[in-house]
Protein backbone atom coordinates (compact mmCIF):
# COMPACT_ATOMS: atom_id res chain seq x y z
CA MET A 1 16.28 32.08 -23.14
CA ALA A 2 13.79 29.41 -22.13
CA TYR A 3 13.73 28.58 -18.46
CA TRP A 4 11.16 25.80 -18.75
CA ASN A 5 13.94 23.20 -18.75
CA ILE A 6 14.89 24.36 -15.24
CA TRP A 7 11.43 25.02 -13.77
CA LEU A 8 9.47 22.12 -15.22
CA PRO A 9 11.38 19.40 -13.32
CA LEU A 10 10.99 21.42 -10.11
CA VAL A 11 7.25 21.81 -10.64
CA ILE A 12 6.91 18.08 -11.36
CA LEU A 13 8.92 17.22 -8.25
CA ALA A 14 6.83 19.55 -6.09
CA ALA A 15 3.58 18.04 -7.44
CA TYR A 16 4.88 14.52 -6.74
CA LEU A 17 5.85 15.41 -3.16
CA VAL A 18 2.43 16.93 -2.48
CA TRP A 19 0.70 13.87 -3.97
CA LYS A 20 2.85 11.53 -1.86
CA ARG A 21 2.08 13.44 1.32
CA VAL A 22 -1.67 13.41 0.64
CA ARG A 23 -1.52 9.69 -0.15
CA MET A 24 0.35 8.89 3.07
CA ARG A 25 -2.17 10.88 5.12
CA ARG A 26 -4.94 8.81 3.54
CA VAL A 27 -3.08 5.58 4.32
CA GLN A 28 -2.53 6.65 7.94
CA SER A 29 -6.20 7.56 8.38
CA LEU A 30 -7.27 4.21 6.94
CA ILE A 31 -4.87 2.32 9.21
CA ALA A 32 -6.22 4.17 12.24
CA ALA A 33 -9.73 2.91 11.49
CA PRO A 34 -10.49 -0.31 13.41
CA SER A 35 -12.29 -1.88 10.44
CA THR A 36 -9.27 -1.64 8.11
CA PHE A 37 -7.48 -4.87 7.26
CA ILE A 38 -3.71 -4.53 6.60
CA ILE A 39 -2.24 -7.23 4.37
CA ASP A 40 1.54 -7.52 4.04
CA VAL A 41 2.36 -9.52 0.89
CA ARG A 42 6.08 -9.99 1.58
CA THR A 43 7.54 -13.45 2.11
CA ARG A 44 7.35 -14.99 5.57
CA ALA A 45 11.08 -14.37 6.11
CA GLU A 46 10.73 -10.69 5.15
CA PHE A 47 7.68 -10.34 7.40
CA ALA A 48 9.56 -11.93 10.32
CA SER A 49 12.32 -9.33 10.00
CA GLY A 50 9.88 -6.50 10.79
CA ALA A 51 6.24 -5.63 10.24
CA ASN A 52 3.31 -3.60 11.45
CA GLU A 53 1.86 -5.44 14.45
CA LYS A 54 -1.67 -5.00 13.04
CA SER A 55 -0.86 -6.55 9.66
CA LEU A 56 -1.51 -10.06 8.45
CA ASN A 57 1.12 -11.76 6.33
CA ILE A 58 -0.29 -13.29 3.17
CA PRO A 59 2.61 -13.72 0.73
CA LEU A 60 1.73 -12.63 -2.80
CA ASP A 61 1.97 -16.17 -4.17
CA GLU A 62 -0.61 -17.35 -1.58
CA LEU A 63 -3.06 -14.50 -2.11
CA PRO A 64 -5.05 -16.14 -4.96
CA VAL A 65 -5.80 -19.12 -2.70
CA LYS A 66 -6.70 -17.04 0.37
CA ILE A 67 -8.63 -14.29 -1.39
CA ALA A 68 -11.98 -16.03 -0.82
CA GLN A 69 -11.42 -15.86 2.97
CA LEU A 70 -11.19 -12.06 3.00
CA ASP A 71 -14.13 -9.76 3.77
CA ARG A 72 -14.99 -7.69 0.68
CA ARG A 73 -16.84 -5.13 2.81
CA ARG A 74 -13.81 -4.05 4.85
CA PRO A 75 -11.24 -1.52 3.64
CA ILE A 76 -7.93 -3.19 2.82
CA VAL A 77 -4.46 -1.66 2.84
CA VAL A 78 -1.76 -3.74 1.15
CA CYS A 79 1.98 -3.32 1.63
CA CYS A 80 5.27 -5.03 0.81
CA ALA A 81 8.94 -4.06 0.78
CA SER A 82 8.83 -1.27 -1.80
CA GLY A 83 5.41 -1.14 -3.44
CA GLY A 84 5.75 -3.44 -6.46
CA ARG A 85 4.20 -6.59 -5.02
CA SER A 86 1.56 -4.61 -3.14
CA ALA A 87 0.54 -2.95 -6.43
CA LEU A 88 0.05 -6.43 -7.92
CA ALA A 89 -1.89 -7.54 -4.84
CA ALA A 90 -4.11 -4.44 -4.97
CA ALA A 91 -4.91 -5.09 -8.64
CA MET A 92 -5.64 -8.74 -7.86
CA LEU A 93 -8.01 -7.77 -5.06
CA ARG A 94 -9.80 -5.17 -7.19
CA ASN A 95 -10.20 -7.71 -10.01
CA ASN A 96 -11.86 -10.04 -7.51
CA GLY A 97 -14.50 -7.57 -6.38
CA PHE A 98 -12.78 -5.70 -3.56
CA ALA A 99 -13.71 -2.04 -3.91
CA GLN A 100 -11.88 -0.48 -0.95
CA VAL A 101 -8.23 -1.33 -1.63
CA THR A 102 -5.30 1.02 -1.03
CA ASN A 103 -1.67 0.34 -1.88
CA ALA A 104 0.50 1.70 0.95
CA GLY A 105 3.72 0.80 -0.84
CA ALA A 106 6.46 -0.08 1.63
CA TRP A 107 5.35 -1.70 4.87
CA THR A 108 7.09 1.08 6.79
CA ASN A 109 4.38 3.42 5.48
CA THR A 110 1.86 1.51 7.62
CA CYS A 111 3.48 2.20 10.98
CA ALA A 112 5.47 4.71 12.95
CA CYS A 113 8.65 2.61 12.76
């Protein structure tokens, strides 16, 4: 009897959990650095309901206009409500010459909330 159908999902889950933990450690170490710029791409209303005190709110639809004002030399961590909009923002920043961009996913990943 083949047990791969039982073990394979468990191995995949374990690998994902390890990857997520390593990624969050990287995000936390970046956020601790004073040179890191945290951009929260949620709407102004979402941002007002709770955010990391170190983050700057630039809603995703305003990012293309404000991208020229950002320092390309500083590391940037982007966040949103769940990770979808921040993934789009990270891609947008990378396509505009920003090399040090990290998607933190949910904004709660950027603080000890």
